[in-house]
C-alpha cells in the first residue's frame, strides 16, 4: 500500500512540474508574439525606435532594430522572464510588404 502511494505521489509531483513548465513556455511564446506584433505595427508607421523595451506582468522584452538594406530591417528581441528564463528572437521586417517575413528563435 505504501509503495502504491509513493508512486502516485511521485506521479502527481511530476505532472505538477510538467504543467508549470508548459505554462512558462506558453507565456514566453505569448509575450514574444505580442512584442513582434507591436513592433511590426510601429515599423509600419515608422515609429519604432532603434532600441527599447516592452514590459509585461511576468517579464520584459528588450529589442534592438538594425537596417539590413533599404527594404529590410532586423529586430532582435530578448525576453527575460521574472523567473529567470531568457529567450532571443530575431525577426526580419520587409518594408515593401509591411510585415515580418522571417523569424528565428534561440533558447
Protein backbone atom coordinates (compact mmCIF):
# COMPACT_ATOMS: atom_id res chain seq x y z
CA UNK A 1 0.00 0.00 0.00
CA UNK A 2 2.80 2.48 0.89
CA UNK A 3 4.61 1.68 -2.33
CA UNK A 4 1.46 2.44 -4.33
CA UNK A 5 1.02 5.78 -2.53
CA UNK A 6 4.66 6.64 -3.18
CA UNK A 7 4.21 6.01 -6.91
CA UNK A 8 1.04 8.13 -7.01
CA UNK A 9 2.73 10.96 -5.12
CA UNK A 10 5.72 10.94 -7.45
CA UNK A 11 3.42 10.93 -10.48
CA UNK A 12 1.49 13.88 -9.05
CA UNK A 13 4.66 15.90 -8.42
CA UNK A 14 5.95 15.13 -11.91
CA UNK A 15 2.67 16.22 -13.51
CA UNK A 16 2.64 19.47 -11.49
CA UNK A 17 6.20 20.21 -12.67
CA UNK A 18 5.21 19.50 -16.28
CA UNK A 19 2.17 21.81 -16.02
CA UNK A 20 4.34 24.62 -14.60
CA UNK A 21 6.95 24.24 -17.37
CA UNK A 22 4.24 24.19 -20.04
CA UNK A 23 2.67 27.33 -18.58
CA UNK A 24 6.03 29.13 -18.62
CA UNK A 25 6.73 28.14 -22.23
CA UNK A 26 3.30 29.32 -23.39
CA UNK A 27 3.70 32.60 -21.54
CA UNK A 28 7.09 33.13 -23.20
CA UNK A 29 5.58 32.46 -26.63
CA UNK A 30 2.70 34.84 -25.90
CA UNK A 31 4.99 37.67 -24.76
CA UNK A 32 7.23 37.20 -27.79
CA UNK A 33 4.22 37.19 -30.16
CA UNK A 34 2.77 40.35 -28.57
CA UNK A 35 6.14 42.10 -28.86
CA UNK A 36 6.57 41.12 -32.51
CA UNK A 37 3.06 42.31 -33.39
CA UNK A 38 3.58 45.60 -31.56
CA UNK A 39 6.99 46.15 -33.20
CA UNK A 40 5.53 45.27 -36.61
CA UNK A 41 2.80 47.90 -36.19
CA UNK A 42 5.35 50.52 -35.11
CA UNK A 43 7.63 49.64 -38.03
CA UNK A 44 4.70 50.01 -40.43
CA UNK A 45 4.17 53.57 -39.11
CA UNK A 46 7.96 54.16 -38.94
CA UNK A 47 7.79 54.89 -35.20
CA UNK A 48 9.89 52.03 -33.79
CA UNK A 49 12.98 53.43 -32.02
CA UNK A 50 16.42 51.89 -32.51
CA UNK A 51 16.20 50.26 -29.07
CA UNK A 52 13.64 49.95 -26.33
CA UNK A 53 11.61 47.61 -24.21
CA UNK A 54 8.13 46.33 -23.54
CA UNK A 55 7.04 45.38 -20.04
CA UNK A 56 4.62 42.60 -19.21
CA UNK A 57 3.19 41.24 -15.98
CA UNK A 58 5.78 38.45 -15.56
CA UNK A 59 8.59 39.54 -17.85
CA UNK A 60 10.15 42.12 -20.11
CA UNK A 61 11.16 42.18 -23.76
CA UNK A 62 14.06 44.38 -24.88
CA UNK A 63 14.51 45.00 -28.60
CA UNK A 64 17.09 46.44 -30.97
CA UNK A 65 16.49 47.47 -34.58
CA UNK A 66 19.10 47.33 -37.34
CA UNK A 67 18.88 48.28 -41.01
CA UNK A 68 19.90 45.39 -43.24
CA UNK A 69 19.11 47.11 -46.54
CA UNK A 70 16.86 49.80 -47.99
CA UNK A 71 13.89 47.42 -47.86
CA UNK A 72 14.74 45.22 -44.88
CA UNK A 73 15.08 45.83 -41.14
CA UNK A 74 16.09 43.31 -38.50
CA UNK A 75 14.73 43.44 -34.96
CA UNK A 76 16.31 41.40 -32.16
CA UNK A 77 14.02 40.61 -29.22
CA UNK A 78 15.39 39.48 -25.84
CA UNK A 79 12.74 38.15 -23.45
CA UNK A 80 13.63 37.95 -19.77
CA UNK A 81 11.05 36.34 -17.50
CA UNK A 82 10.79 37.23 -13.81
CA UNK A 83 11.56 33.57 -13.04
CA UNK A 84 14.94 33.87 -14.82
CA UNK A 85 14.28 32.21 -18.20
CA UNK A 86 15.64 34.01 -21.25
CA UNK A 87 14.94 33.62 -24.94
CA UNK A 88 16.04 35.51 -28.02
CA UNK A 89 14.09 36.05 -31.21
CA UNK A 90 15.21 37.69 -34.45
CA UNK A 91 12.68 39.00 -36.94
CA UNK A 92 13.23 40.49 -40.37
CA UNK A 93 10.77 43.15 -41.46
CA UNK A 94 10.12 43.77 -45.16
CA UNK A 95 9.22 47.44 -45.69
CA UNK A 96 7.51 46.79 -49.02
CA UNK A 97 5.25 44.05 -47.64
CA UNK A 98 4.79 45.80 -44.30
CA UNK A 99 5.26 42.58 -42.33
CA UNK A 100 7.78 40.33 -40.64
CA UNK A 101 8.90 37.84 -43.29
CA UNK A 102 11.43 35.78 -41.35
CA UNK A 103 11.65 34.64 -37.73
CA UNK A 104 14.41 32.83 -35.85
CA UNK A 105 14.19 31.93 -32.19
CA UNK A 106 17.07 30.91 -29.91
CA UNK A 107 16.54 29.48 -26.44
